[in-house]
C-alpha atoms as a PDB file:
ATOM      1  CA  UNK A   1     -14.904 -37.026   6.494  1.00  0.00           C
ATOM      2  CA  UNK A   2     -12.290 -36.301   9.157  1.00  0.00           C
ATOM      3  CA  UNK A   3      -8.888 -37.977   9.617  1.00  0.00           C
ATOM      4  CA  UNK A   4      -7.058 -37.666  12.921  1.00  0.00           C
ATOM      5  CA  UNK A   5      -3.450 -38.871  12.921  1.00  0.00           C
ATOM      6  CA  UNK A   6      -2.048 -40.057  16.245  1.00  0.00           C
ATOM      7  CA  UNK A   7       1.661 -40.075  17.218  1.00  0.00           C
ATOM      8  CA  UNK A   8       3.865 -43.156  17.502  1.00  0.00           C
ATOM      9  CA  UNK A   9       3.244 -45.461  20.442  1.00  0.00           C
ATOM     10  CA  UNK A  10      -0.346 -44.498  21.310  1.00  0.00           C
ATOM     11  CA  UNK A  11      -1.331 -48.176  21.132  1.00  0.00           C
ATOM     12  CA  UNK A  12       1.918 -49.518  22.616  1.00  0.00           C
ATOM     13  CA  UNK A  13       2.872 -52.256  23.318  1.00  0.00           C
ATOM     14  CA  UNK A  14       0.536 -53.763  20.696  1.00  0.00           C
ATOM     15  CA  UNK A  15       1.949 -51.618  17.911  1.00  0.00           C
ATOM     16  CA  UNK A  16       4.433 -48.734  17.764  1.00  0.00           C
ATOM     17  CA  UNK A  17       3.483 -47.373  14.347  1.00  0.00           C
ATOM     18  CA  UNK A  18       1.338 -44.233  13.955  1.00  0.00           C
ATOM     19  CA  UNK A  19      -2.418 -44.698  13.712  1.00  0.00           C
ATOM     20  CA  UNK A  20      -5.121 -42.750  11.876  1.00  0.00           C
ATOM     21  CA  UNK A  21      -8.653 -42.365  13.213  1.00  0.00           C
ATOM     22  CA  UNK A  22     -11.351 -41.754  10.587  1.00  0.00           C
ATOM     23  CA  UNK A  23     -14.616 -39.940  11.345  1.00  0.00           C
ATOM     24  CA  UNK A  24     -17.516 -39.990   8.889  1.00  0.00           C
ATOM     25  CA  UNK A  25     -20.479 -37.613   8.969  1.00  0.00           C
ATOM     26  CA  UNK A  26     -23.975 -38.196   7.578  1.00  0.00           C
ATOM     27  CA  UNK A  27     -24.270 -34.681   6.164  1.00  0.00           C
ATOM     28  CA  UNK A  28     -24.166 -35.571   2.460  1.00  0.00           C
ATOM     29  CA  UNK A  29     -21.486 -36.530  -0.081  1.00  0.00           C
ATOM     30  CA  UNK A  30     -17.900 -35.854   0.973  1.00  0.00           C
ATOM     31  CA  UNK A  31     -16.520 -32.676  -0.623  1.00  0.00           C
ATOM     32  CA  UNK A  32     -13.382 -32.224   1.480  1.00  0.00           C
ATOM     33  CA  UNK A  33     -11.462 -34.259   4.046  1.00  0.00           C
ATOM     34  CA  UNK A  34      -9.968 -32.537   7.065  1.00  0.00           C
ATOM     35  CA  UNK A  35      -6.724 -33.877   8.548  1.00  0.00           C
ATOM     36  CA  UNK A  36      -5.396 -33.171  12.042  1.00  0.00           C
ATOM     37  CA  UNK A  37      -1.955 -34.432  13.066  1.00  0.00           C
ATOM     38  CA  UNK A  38      -1.687 -34.718  16.843  1.00  0.00           C
ATOM     39  CA  UNK A  39       1.957 -34.035  17.831  1.00  0.00           C
ATOM     40  CA  UNK A  40       3.653 -35.663  20.833  1.00  0.00           C
ATOM     41  CA  UNK A  41       4.528 -33.449  23.823  1.00  0.00           C
ATOM     42  CA  UNK A  42       7.547 -31.186  23.446  1.00  0.00           C
ATOM     43  CA  UNK A  43      10.762 -33.136  24.091  1.00  0.00           C
ATOM     44  CA  UNK A  44       9.239 -36.563  23.304  1.00  0.00           C
ATOM     45  CA  UNK A  45       9.204 -38.539  20.076  1.00  0.00           C
ATOM     46  CA  UNK A  46       6.532 -41.068  20.960  1.00  0.00           C
ATOM     47  CA  UNK A  47       4.232 -42.449  23.637  1.00  0.00           C
ATOM     48  CA  UNK A  48       4.820 -45.631  25.614  1.00  0.00           C
ATOM     49  CA  UNK A  49       2.825 -47.978  27.827  1.00  0.00           C
ATOM     50  CA  UNK A  50       4.119 -46.213  30.956  1.00  0.00           C
ATOM     51  CA  UNK A  51       3.783 -42.715  29.459  1.00  0.00           C
ATOM     52  CA  UNK A  52       0.513 -42.842  27.491  1.00  0.00           C
ATOM     53  CA  UNK A  53      -1.500 -40.151  25.776  1.00  0.00           C
ATOM     54  CA  UNK A  54      -3.280 -37.922  28.318  1.00  0.00           C
ATOM     55  CA  UNK A  55      -6.594 -36.114  27.957  1.00  0.00           C
ATOM     56  CA  UNK A  56      -5.082 -32.650  28.472  1.00  0.00           C
ATOM     57  CA  UNK A  57      -2.724 -33.213  25.532  1.00  0.00           C
ATOM     58  CA  UNK A  58      -5.763 -33.189  23.249  1.00  0.00           C
ATOM     59  CA  UNK A  59      -7.083 -29.791  24.400  1.00  0.00           C
ATOM     60  CA  UNK A  60      -5.867 -27.964  21.270  1.00  0.00           C
ATOM     61  CA  UNK A  61      -7.514 -30.631  19.096  1.00  0.00           C
ATOM     62  CA  UNK A  62     -10.785 -30.270  21.007  1.00  0.00           C
ATOM     63  CA  UNK A  63     -10.698 -26.503  20.537  1.00  0.00           C
ATOM     64  CA  UNK A  64      -9.964 -26.868  16.812  1.00  0.00           C
ATOM     65  CA  UNK A  65     -12.745 -29.462  16.356  1.00  0.00           C
ATOM     66  CA  UNK A  66     -15.329 -26.709  16.862  1.00  0.00           C
ATOM     67  CA  UNK A  67     -18.054 -28.665  18.630  1.00  0.00           C
ATOM     68  CA  UNK A  68     -21.074 -30.134  16.866  1.00  0.00           C
ATOM     69  CA  UNK A  69     -21.306 -27.213  14.434  1.00  0.00           C
ATOM     70  CA  UNK A  70     -17.544 -27.325  13.607  1.00  0.00           C
ATOM     71  CA  UNK A  71     -17.215 -23.581  14.233  1.00  0.00           C
ATOM     72  CA  UNK A  72     -14.037 -21.603  13.449  1.00  0.00           C
ATOM     73  CA  UNK A  73     -12.200 -24.589  12.008  1.00  0.00           C
ATOM     74  CA  UNK A  74      -9.132 -23.355  10.073  1.00  0.00           C
ATOM     75  CA  UNK A  75      -5.938 -24.775   8.630  1.00  0.00           C
ATOM     76  CA  UNK A  76      -2.847 -24.491  10.817  1.00  0.00           C
ATOM     77  CA  UNK A  77       0.425 -26.210  11.729  1.00  0.00           C
ATOM     78  CA  UNK A  78      -1.433 -29.422  12.631  1.00  0.00           C
ATOM     79  CA  UNK A  79      -4.554 -29.146  10.457  1.00  0.00           C
ATOM     80  CA  UNK A  80      -5.108 -29.122   6.715  1.00  0.00           C
ATOM     81  CA  UNK A  81      -7.817 -30.126   4.249  1.00  0.00           C
ATOM     82  CA  UNK A  82      -7.778 -31.979   0.943  1.00  0.00           C
ATOM     83  CA  UNK A  83     -10.532 -31.837  -1.737  1.00  0.00           C
ATOM     84  CA  UNK A  84     -12.226 -35.140  -2.474  1.00  0.00           C
ATOM     85  CA  UNK A  85     -11.053 -34.908  -6.089  1.00  0.00           C
ATOM     86  CA  UNK A  86      -7.404 -35.061  -5.013  1.00  0.00           C
ATOM     87  CA  UNK A  87      -8.103 -38.067  -2.798  1.00  0.00           C
ATOM     88  CA  UNK A  88      -9.833 -39.912  -5.635  1.00  0.00           C
ATOM     89  CA  UNK A  89      -6.897 -39.186  -7.953  1.00  0.00           C
ATOM     90  CA  UNK A  90      -4.492 -40.646  -5.364  1.00  0.00           C
ATOM     91  CA  UNK A  91      -6.436 -43.914  -5.262  1.00  0.00           C
ATOM     92  CA  UNK A  92      -8.025 -42.977  -1.927  1.00  0.00           C
ATOM     93  CA  UNK A  93      -4.658 -42.791  -0.206  1.00  0.00           C
ATOM     94  CA  UNK A  94      -5.171 -41.066   3.157  1.00  0.00           C
ATOM     95  CA  UNK A  95      -1.564 -41.380   4.347  1.00  0.00           C
ATOM     96  CA  UNK A  96      -0.802 -37.804   3.326  1.00  0.00           C
ATOM     97  CA  UNK A  97       2.052 -35.596   4.448  1.00  0.00           C
ATOM     98  CA  UNK A  98       1.290 -32.528   6.552  1.00  0.00           C
ATOM     99  CA  UNK A  99       1.951 -29.598   4.184  1.00  0.00           C
ATOM    100  CA  UNK A 100       2.228 -27.149   7.096  1.00  0.00           C
ATOM    101  CA  UNK A 101       5.277 -28.715   8.787  1.00  0.00           C
ATOM    102  CA  UNK A 102       8.138 -26.579  10.056  1.00  0.00           C
ATOM    103  CA  UNK A 103      10.307 -27.626   7.120  1.00  0.00           C
ATOM    104  CA  UNK A 104       7.974 -25.751   4.787  1.00  0.00           C
ATOM    105  CA  UNK A 105       8.133 -22.705   7.058  1.00  0.00           C
ATOM    106  CA  UNK A 106      11.919 -22.524   7.353  1.00  0.00           C
ATOM    107  CA  UNK A 107      13.474 -19.118   6.732  1.00  0.00           C
ATOM    108  CA  UNK A 108      10.168 -17.351   7.350  1.00  0.00           C
ATOM    109  CA  UNK A 109      10.296 -14.344   9.693  1.00  0.00           C
ATOM    110  CA  UNK A 110       9.661 -15.116  13.350  1.00  0.00           C
ATOM    111  CA  UNK A 111       7.217 -12.964  15.325  1.00  0.00           C
ATOM    112  CA  UNK A 112       6.674 -12.378  19.021  1.00  0.00           C
ATOM    113  CA  UNK A 113       3.719 -11.160  21.099  1.00  0.00           C
ATOM    114  CA  UNK A 114       4.072  -8.213  23.472  1.00  0.00           C
ATOM    115  CA  UNK A 115       2.370  -8.274  26.864  1.00  0.00           C
ATOM    116  CA  UNK A 116      -0.456  -5.934  27.914  1.00  0.00           C
ATOM    117  CA  UNK A 117      -2.120  -6.076  24.490  1.00  0.00           C
ATOM    118  CA  UNK A 118       0.639  -4.111  22.753  1.00  0.00           C
ATOM    119  CA  UNK A 119       0.606  -6.219  19.587  1.00  0.00           C
ATOM    120  CA  UNK A 120       3.241  -8.193  17.691  1.00  0.00           C
ATOM    121  CA  UNK A 121       6.933  -7.547  17.157  1.00  0.00           C
ATOM    122  CA  UNK A 122       9.573  -8.878  14.773  1.00  0.00           C
ATOM    123  CA  UNK A 123      12.147 -11.345  16.079  1.00  0.00           C
ATOM    124  CA  UNK A 124      14.003 -11.844  12.803  1.00  0.00           C
ATOM    125  CA  UNK A 125      14.242 -14.661  10.201  1.00  0.00           C
ATOM    126  CA  UNK A 126      14.049 -18.292  11.344  1.00  0.00           C
ATOM    127  CA  UNK A 127      15.996 -21.185   9.892  1.00  0.00           C
ATOM    128  CA  UNK A 128      14.784 -24.755  10.267  1.00  0.00           C
ATOM    129  CA  UNK A 129      18.118 -25.578  11.913  1.00  0.00           C
ATOM    130  CA  UNK A 130      17.546 -22.970  14.617  1.00  0.00           C
ATOM    131  CA  UNK A 131      14.419 -24.485  16.155  1.00  0.00           C
ATOM    132  CA  UNK A 132      13.675 -27.778  17.907  1.00  0.00           C
ATOM    133  CA  UNK A 133       9.971 -27.486  17.136  1.00  0.00           C
ATOM    134  CA  UNK A 134       8.696 -29.965  14.562  1.00  0.00           C
ATOM    135  CA  UNK A 135       5.733 -27.726  13.780  1.00  0.00           C
ATOM    136  CA  UNK A 136       5.264 -23.971  13.638  1.00  0.00           C
ATOM    137  CA  UNK A 137       2.176 -21.776  13.538  1.00  0.00           C
ATOM    138  CA  UNK A 138       1.753 -19.639  10.439  1.00  0.00           C
ATOM    139  CA  UNK A 139       0.023 -16.327  11.104  1.00  0.00           C
ATOM    140  CA  UNK A 140      -2.839 -15.011   8.984  1.00  0.00           C
ATOM    141  CA  UNK A 141      -4.027 -11.425   9.044  1.00  0.00           C
ATOM    142  CA  UNK A 142      -7.097 -10.911  11.219  1.00  0.00           C
ATOM    143  CA  UNK A 143      -6.485 -13.934  13.445  1.00  0.00           C
ATOM    144  CA  UNK A 144      -6.106 -13.691  17.207  1.00  0.00           C
ATOM    145  CA  UNK A 145      -2.783 -15.036  18.484  1.00  0.00           C
ATOM    146  CA  UNK A 146      -2.201 -15.928  22.135  1.00  0.00           C
ATOM    147  CA  UNK A 147       0.942 -16.657  24.145  1.00  0.00           C
ATOM    148  CA  UNK A 148      -0.041 -19.585  26.352  1.00  0.00           C
ATOM    149  CA  UNK A 149       2.913 -18.936  28.654  1.00  0.00           C
ATOM    150  CA  UNK A 150       2.455 -15.161  28.996  1.00  0.00           C
ATOM    151  CA  UNK A 151      -1.332 -14.972  28.700  1.00  0.00           C
ATOM    152  CA  UNK A 152      -1.549 -13.738  32.295  1.00  0.00           C
ATOM    153  CA  UNK A 153       0.388 -10.644  31.166  1.00  0.00           C
ATOM    154  CA  UNK A 154      -2.044  -9.945  28.356  1.00  0.00           C
ATOM    155  CA  UNK A 155       0.173 -11.362  25.587  1.00  0.00           C
ATOM    156  CA  UNK A 156      -2.605 -11.496  22.996  1.00  0.00           C
ATOM    157  CA  UNK A 157      -3.075  -9.619  19.728  1.00  0.00           C
ATOM    158  CA  UNK A 158      -4.899  -9.433  16.420  1.00  0.00           C
ATOM    159  CA  UNK A 159      -2.515 -10.224  13.547  1.00  0.00           C
ATOM    160  CA  UNK A 160      -2.088  -7.081  11.364  1.00  0.00           C
ATOM    161  CA  UNK A 161      -1.638  -7.396   7.566  1.00  0.00           C
ATOM    162  CA  UNK A 162       2.110  -6.731   7.786  1.00  0.00           C
ATOM    163  CA  UNK A 163       2.579  -9.924   9.860  1.00  0.00           C
ATOM    164  CA  UNK A 164       0.626 -12.192   7.504  1.00  0.00           C
ATOM    165  CA  UNK A 165       2.710 -15.309   6.766  1.00  0.00           C
ATOM    166  CA  UNK A 166       5.073 -14.894   9.725  1.00  0.00           C
ATOM    167  CA  UNK A 167       5.555 -17.838  12.109  1.00  0.00           C
ATOM    168  CA  UNK A 168       5.460 -18.595  15.821  1.00  0.00           C
ATOM    169  CA  UNK A 169       6.098 -21.701  17.895  1.00  0.00           C
ATOM    170  CA  UNK A 170       3.226 -24.023  18.960  1.00  0.00           C
ATOM    171  CA  UNK A 171       3.192 -22.109  22.261  1.00  0.00           C
ATOM    172  CA  UNK A 172       1.234 -19.437  20.352  1.00  0.00           C
ATOM    173  CA  UNK A 173      -2.126 -20.873  19.188  1.00  0.00           C
ATOM    174  CA  UNK A 174      -4.174 -18.839  16.723  1.00  0.00           C
ATOM    175  CA  UNK A 175      -7.943 -18.353  16.487  1.00  0.00           C
ATOM    176  CA  UNK A 176     -10.308 -17.033  13.815  1.00  0.00           C
ATOM    177  CA  UNK A 177     -13.396 -15.108  14.884  1.00  0.00           C
ATOM    178  CA  UNK A 178     -16.706 -15.313  13.045  1.00  0.00           C
ATOM    179  CA  UNK A 179     -16.817 -12.259  10.790  1.00  0.00           C
ATOM    180  CA  UNK A 180     -20.588 -11.871  11.162  1.00  0.00           C
ATOM    181  CA  UNK A 181     -20.351 -11.794  14.950  1.00  0.00           C
ATOM    182  CA  UNK A 182     -17.257  -9.733  15.837  1.00  0.00           C
ATOM    183  CA  UNK A 183     -15.911  -6.549  14.221  1.00  0.00           C
ATOM    184  CA  UNK A 184     -12.093  -6.744  13.689  1.00  0.00           C
ATOM    185  CA  UNK A 185     -11.573  -3.346  15.322  1.00  0.00           C
ATOM    186  CA  UNK A 186     -13.617  -4.334  18.358  1.00  0.00           C
ATOM    187  CA  UNK A 187     -11.612  -7.562  18.590  1.00  0.00           C
ATOM    188  CA  UNK A 188      -8.391  -5.533  18.639  1.00  0.00           C
ATOM    189  CA  UNK A 189      -9.857  -3.375  21.405  1.00  0.00           C
ATOM    190  CA  UNK A 190     -10.674  -6.473  23.458  1.00  0.00           C
ATOM    191  CA  UNK A 191      -7.050  -7.634  23.187  1.00  0.00           C
ATOM    192  CA  UNK A 192      -5.981  -4.395  24.912  1.00  0.00           C
ATOM    193  CA  UNK A 193      -8.765  -4.527  27.495  1.00  0.00           C
ATOM    194  CA  UNK A 194      -7.440  -4.866  31.051  1.00  0.00           C
ATOM    195  CA  UNK A 195     -10.533  -6.885  31.963  1.00  0.00           C
ATOM    196  CA  UNK A 196      -9.508  -9.650  29.546  1.00  0.00           C
ATOM    197  CA  UNK A 197      -6.035  -9.664  31.068  1.00  0.00           C
ATOM    198  CA  UNK A 198      -7.541 -10.130  34.536  1.00  0.00           C
ATOM    199  CA  UNK A 199      -9.678 -13.016  33.295  1.00  0.00           C
ATOM    200  CA  UNK A 200      -6.639 -14.749  31.772  1.00  0.00           C
ATOM    201  CA  UNK A 201      -4.724 -14.247  35.006  1.00  0.00           C
ATOM    202  CA  UNK A 202      -7.410 -16.263  36.780  1.00  0.00           C
ATOM    203  CA  UNK A 203      -7.231 -18.943  34.079  1.00  0.00           C
ATOM    204  CA  UNK A 204      -3.471 -19.254  34.678  1.00  0.00           C
ATOM    205  CA  UNK A 205      -2.976 -20.440  38.248  1.00  0.00           C
ATOM    206  CA  UNK A 206       0.297 -20.268  40.169  1.00  0.00           C
ATOM    207  CA  UNK A 207       3.006 -17.630  40.477  1.00  0.00           C
ATOM    208  CA  UNK A 208       6.317 -16.881  38.789  1.00  0.00           C
ATOM    209  CA  UNK A 209       7.979 -19.739  36.897  1.00  0.00           C
ATOM    210  CA  UNK A 210       5.356 -22.157  38.268  1.00  0.00           C
ATOM    211  CA  UNK A 211       2.475 -20.322  36.626  1.00  0.00           C
ATOM    212  CA  UNK A 212       0.477 -22.629  34.360  1.00  0.00           C
ATOM    213  CA  UNK A 213      -0.028 -22.044  30.665  1.00  0.00           C
ATOM    214  CA  UNK A 214      -3.449 -21.049  29.385  1.00  0.00           C
ATOM    215  CA  UNK A 215      -4.577 -23.783  26.990  1.00  0.00           C
ATOM    216  CA  UNK A 216      -6.548 -23.102  23.819  1.00  0.00           C
ATOM    217  CA  UNK A 217      -9.582 -24.787  25.377  1.00  0.00           C
ATOM    218  CA  UNK A 218      -9.356 -22.608  28.505  1.00  0.00           C
ATOM    219  CA  UNK A 219      -9.079 -19.487  26.364  1.00  0.00           C
ATOM    220  CA  UNK A 220     -12.173 -20.427  24.348  1.00  0.00           C
ATOM    221  CA  UNK A 221     -14.112 -20.890  27.595  1.00  0.00           C
ATOM    222  CA  UNK A 222     -13.573 -17.211  28.465  1.00  0.00           C
ATOM    223  CA  UNK A 223     -16.665 -15.001  28.157  1.00  0.00           C
ATOM    224  CA  UNK A 224     -16.296 -11.384  27.010  1.00  0.00           C
ATOM    225  CA  UNK A 225     -18.938  -8.720  26.259  1.00  0.00           C
ATOM    226  CA  UNK A 226     -20.057  -8.780  22.606  1.00  0.00           C
ATOM    227  CA  UNK A 227     -22.554  -5.949  21.880  1.00  0.00           C
ATOM    228  CA  UNK A 228     -24.489  -5.625  18.629  1.00  0.00           C
ATOM    229  CA  UNK A 229     -22.465  -4.953  15.475  1.00  0.00           C
ATOM    230  CA  UNK A 230     -23.470  -1.289  15.321  1.00  0.00           C
ATOM    231  CA  UNK A 231     -22.075  -0.559  18.776  1.00  0.00           C
ATOM    232  CA  UNK A 232     -18.972  -2.622  18.004  1.00  0.00           C
ATOM    233  CA  UNK A 233     -18.273  -0.439  14.971  1.00  0.00           C
ATOM    234  CA  UNK A 234     -18.658   2.741  17.049  1.00  0.00           C
ATOM    235  CA  UNK A 235     -16.294   1.429  19.734  1.00  0.00           C
ATOM    236  CA  UNK A 236     -13.838   0.232  17.081  1.00  0.00           C
ATOM    237  CA  UNK A 237     -13.798   3.723  15.515  1.00  0.00           C
ATOM    238  CA  UNK A 238     -13.109   5.353  18.892  1.00  0.00           C
ATOM    239  CA  UNK A 239     -10.388   2.807  19.628  1.00  0.00           C
ATOM    240  CA  UNK A 240      -8.731   3.410  16.240  1.00  0.00           C
ATOM    241  CA  UNK A 241      -8.694   7.173  16.890  1.00  0.00           C
ATOM    242  CA  UNK A 242      -7.159   6.626  20.336  1.00  0.00           C
ATOM    243  CA  UNK A 243      -4.473   4.399  18.802  1.00  0.00           C
ATOM    244  CA  UNK A 244      -3.730   7.106  16.221  1.00  0.00           C
ATOM    245  CA  UNK A 245      -3.398   9.729  18.978  1.00  0.00           C
ATOM    246  CA  UNK A 246      -1.013   7.467  20.909  1.00  0.00           C
ATOM    247  CA  UNK A 247       1.132   6.937  17.806  1.00  0.00           C
ATOM    248  CA  UNK A 248       1.215  10.668  17.098  1.00  0.00           C
ATOM    249  CA  UNK A 249       2.171  11.347  20.698  1.00  0.00           C
ATOM    250  CA  UNK A 250       4.985   8.815  20.395  1.00  0.00           C
ATOM    251  CA  UNK A 251       6.255  10.495  17.231  1.00  0.00           C
ATOM    252  CA  UNK A 252       6.053  13.891  18.989  1.00  0.00           C
ATOM    253  CA  UNK A 253       8.124  12.632  21.908  1.00  0.00           C
ATOM    254  CA  UNK A 254      10.742  11.169  19.564  1.00  0.00           C
ATOM    255  CA  UNK A 255      10.933  14.441  17.641  1.00  0.00           C
ATOM    256  CA  UNK A 256      11.338  16.528  20.832  1.00  0.00           C
ATOM    257  CA  UNK A 257      14.027  14.163  22.144  1.00  0.00           C
ATOM    258  CA  UNK A 258      15.988  14.401  18.882  1.00  0.00           C
ATOM    259  CA  UNK A 259      15.509  18.187  18.799  1.00  0.00           C
ATOM    260  CA  UNK A 260      16.752  18.469  22.354  1.00  0.00           C
ATOM    261  CA  UNK A 261      19.811  16.355  21.570  1.00  0.00           C
ATOM    262  CA  UNK A 262      20.545  18.442  18.453  1.00  0.00           C
ATOM    263  CA  UNK A 263      20.314  21.686  20.429  1.00  0.00           C
ATOM    264  CA  UNK A 264      22.696  20.366  23.076  1.00  0.00           C
ATOM    265  CA  UNK A 265      25.180  19.281  20.419  1.00  0.00           C
ATOM    266  CA  UNK A 266      25.098  22.721  18.804  1.00  0.00           C
ATOM    267  CA  UNK A 267      25.463  24.485  22.147  1.00  0.00           C
ATOM    268  CA  UNK A 268      28.226  22.376  23.654  1.00  0.00           C
ATOM    269  CA  UNK A 269      29.634  20.342  20.750  1.00  0.00           C
ATOM    270  CA  UNK A 270      32.594  22.690  20.255  1.00  0.00           C
ATOM    271  CA  UNK A 271      33.751  22.548  23.870  1.00  0.00           C
ATOM    272  CA  UNK A 272      36.734  20.366  24.790  1.00  0.00           C
END
């Protein structure tokens, strides 16, 4: 069974209270119920008769739904699941609170996504009083995280283990790849691939401040080369070695810069 919770005012002016849509599947006895809470647009508390719900505002929900096979469905800031046993114990109460709200994520460290496939960076701790977002995205190691606003610059990365549990705003949707189809190392290589950046540039029309965001649905429509798993592993190994060489080169440059500065201090430090 699936429960989709709509924001206030979707059925205005007939009623202003929130509404839940229930979806039942004929696939056997219910073992778990998925919930998806559809948030109103940023800056709005509810919908009205003159400003109704629009199709494009459901693009993230459509991407999460996973098509007929329900592929890649995961829990997130808007989605969670409840075992049927818990629902029975509650007397079949389906008016359940979203456990992934921003209040539960307050004081968690805030991450950011570099452009050009350079990975994630730390932005510091986040207090619930310091954000206007009602919901936040919690990162999980191995997921792909995308900056909808900066996708055209290649702001996409695979979440490393050290960023597991960190948070980002809803402007950064996350995706989980099928483990039997994509090698994690190959996925990380794709995030750095300039060809993917060019594809996302085409998906984000406009220029400058007028450039459009890349929605989750548009991102999932992108096609990338996926060779067999054996070749993916080989490419992932080569990519990991290249990353190691780049890190070592960075350490070498830092060491030479510090050595140079130390030599200059020793040579000229005593001069007035």
